[in-house]
């Protein structure tokens, strides 16, 4: 499994490249989409591991459900980060697909 920080670095680089690129370069956009898609796949494995860790912490904790959730959230902080980054990366991937689709029509 790829290192989480390496995945996040590659995703950030791909998003920066898309943001700074001319929209008239579909081959470069296809490469950006490929990078984002692959790293989303790798990130999913980290999300699964983090969720399993979160569940372990949740069931170790005592108290109400809310107290258990707060405990697990504090113990496995990367789960929130991974989820938010995945959501943002999916939105960027959709935008790249849209610009690629527009380039095909032109």
Protein backbone atom coordinates (compact mmCIF):
# COMPACT_ATOMS: atom_id res chain seq x y z
CA UNK A 1 0.00 0.00 0.00
CA UNK A 2 1.28 3.46 -0.88
CA UNK A 3 2.24 5.84 1.90
CA UNK A 4 -0.60 8.22 2.85
CA UNK A 5 1.56 11.32 2.66
CA UNK A 6 2.83 10.34 -0.81
CA UNK A 7 -0.73 9.87 -2.02
CA UNK A 8 -1.78 13.25 -0.66
CA UNK A 9 1.24 14.93 -2.23
CA UNK A 10 0.45 13.41 -5.64
CA UNK A 11 -3.19 14.46 -5.38
CA UNK A 12 -2.21 18.03 -4.46
CA UNK A 13 0.23 18.17 -7.35
CA UNK A 14 -2.41 16.90 -9.80
CA UNK A 15 -4.97 19.43 -8.58
CA UNK A 16 -2.40 22.24 -8.84
CA UNK A 17 -1.50 21.12 -12.37
CA UNK A 18 -5.16 21.12 -13.38
CA UNK A 19 -5.72 24.54 -11.83
CA UNK A 20 -2.72 26.08 -13.63
CA UNK A 21 -3.11 24.35 -16.98
CA UNK A 22 -4.56 25.57 -20.24
CA UNK A 23 -7.85 23.84 -20.96
CA UNK A 24 -6.78 23.24 -24.55
CA UNK A 25 -4.44 20.38 -23.56
CA UNK A 26 -6.65 17.26 -23.31
CA UNK A 27 -3.75 14.79 -23.20
CA UNK A 28 -2.37 16.50 -20.10
CA UNK A 29 -5.84 16.56 -18.56
CA UNK A 30 -6.19 12.84 -19.21
CA UNK A 31 -2.92 12.27 -17.33
CA UNK A 32 -4.16 14.41 -14.44
CA UNK A 33 -7.40 12.44 -14.32
CA UNK A 34 -5.43 9.20 -14.33
CA UNK A 35 -3.29 10.41 -11.42
CA UNK A 36 -6.32 11.52 -9.40
CA UNK A 37 -8.23 8.30 -10.08
CA UNK A 38 -5.35 6.02 -9.13
CA UNK A 39 -4.62 7.95 -5.96
CA UNK A 40 -8.29 7.88 -4.98
CA UNK A 41 -8.09 4.11 -5.24
CA UNK A 42 -5.01 4.02 -3.02
CA UNK A 43 -6.62 6.44 -0.59
CA UNK A 44 -9.63 4.13 -0.30
CA UNK A 45 -7.40 1.44 1.21
CA UNK A 46 -6.21 3.92 3.84
CA UNK A 47 -9.82 4.94 4.52
CA UNK A 48 -10.76 1.31 5.12
CA UNK A 49 -7.86 0.84 7.54
CA UNK A 50 -8.67 4.07 9.37
CA UNK A 51 -12.34 3.08 9.64
CA UNK A 52 -11.39 -0.29 11.12
CA UNK A 53 -9.14 1.49 13.63
CA UNK A 54 -11.97 3.90 14.41
CA UNK A 55 -14.34 1.02 15.09
CA UNK A 56 -11.79 -0.66 17.39
CA UNK A 57 -11.45 2.55 19.37
CA UNK A 58 -15.22 3.06 19.45
CA UNK A 59 -15.84 -0.39 20.94
CA UNK A 60 -13.00 0.02 23.45
CA UNK A 61 -14.49 3.25 24.78
CA UNK A 62 -17.09 3.47 27.51
CA UNK A 63 -20.03 5.80 27.99
CA UNK A 64 -22.75 7.00 25.67
CA UNK A 65 -22.63 6.57 21.91
CA UNK A 66 -21.69 10.24 21.52
CA UNK A 67 -18.84 9.88 24.03
CA UNK A 68 -17.59 6.77 22.23
CA UNK A 69 -17.71 8.58 18.87
CA UNK A 70 -15.77 11.56 20.27
CA UNK A 71 -13.18 9.19 21.72
CA UNK A 72 -12.78 7.31 18.43
CA UNK A 73 -12.66 10.57 16.44
CA UNK A 74 -9.84 11.82 18.67
CA UNK A 75 -7.91 8.57 18.45
CA UNK A 76 -8.20 8.17 14.66
CA UNK A 77 -8.01 11.74 13.39
CA UNK A 78 -6.81 10.76 9.92
CA UNK A 79 -10.24 9.29 9.06
CA UNK A 80 -11.82 12.76 8.86
CA UNK A 81 -8.92 14.08 6.76
CA UNK A 82 -9.09 11.14 4.35
CA UNK A 83 -12.85 11.47 3.89
CA UNK A 84 -12.70 15.20 3.18
CA UNK A 85 -9.81 14.86 0.74
CA UNK A 86 -11.56 12.02 -1.08
CA UNK A 87 -14.68 14.16 -1.48
CA UNK A 88 -12.68 17.09 -2.85
CA UNK A 89 -10.64 14.89 -5.19
CA UNK A 90 -13.82 13.34 -6.60
CA UNK A 91 -15.16 16.82 -7.35
CA UNK A 92 -11.94 17.75 -9.16
CA UNK A 93 -12.02 14.45 -11.09
CA UNK A 94 -15.56 15.28 -12.21
CA UNK A 95 -14.39 18.72 -13.36
CA UNK A 96 -11.52 17.19 -15.32
CA UNK A 97 -13.94 14.73 -16.96
CA UNK A 98 -16.19 17.63 -17.93
CA UNK A 99 -13.38 19.58 -19.56
CA UNK A 100 -12.17 16.45 -21.36
CA UNK A 101 -15.69 15.82 -22.59
CA UNK A 102 -15.96 19.42 -23.81
CA UNK A 103 -12.62 19.07 -25.62
CA UNK A 104 -13.93 15.99 -27.44
CA UNK A 105 -16.93 17.97 -28.69
CA UNK A 106 -14.77 20.81 -30.00
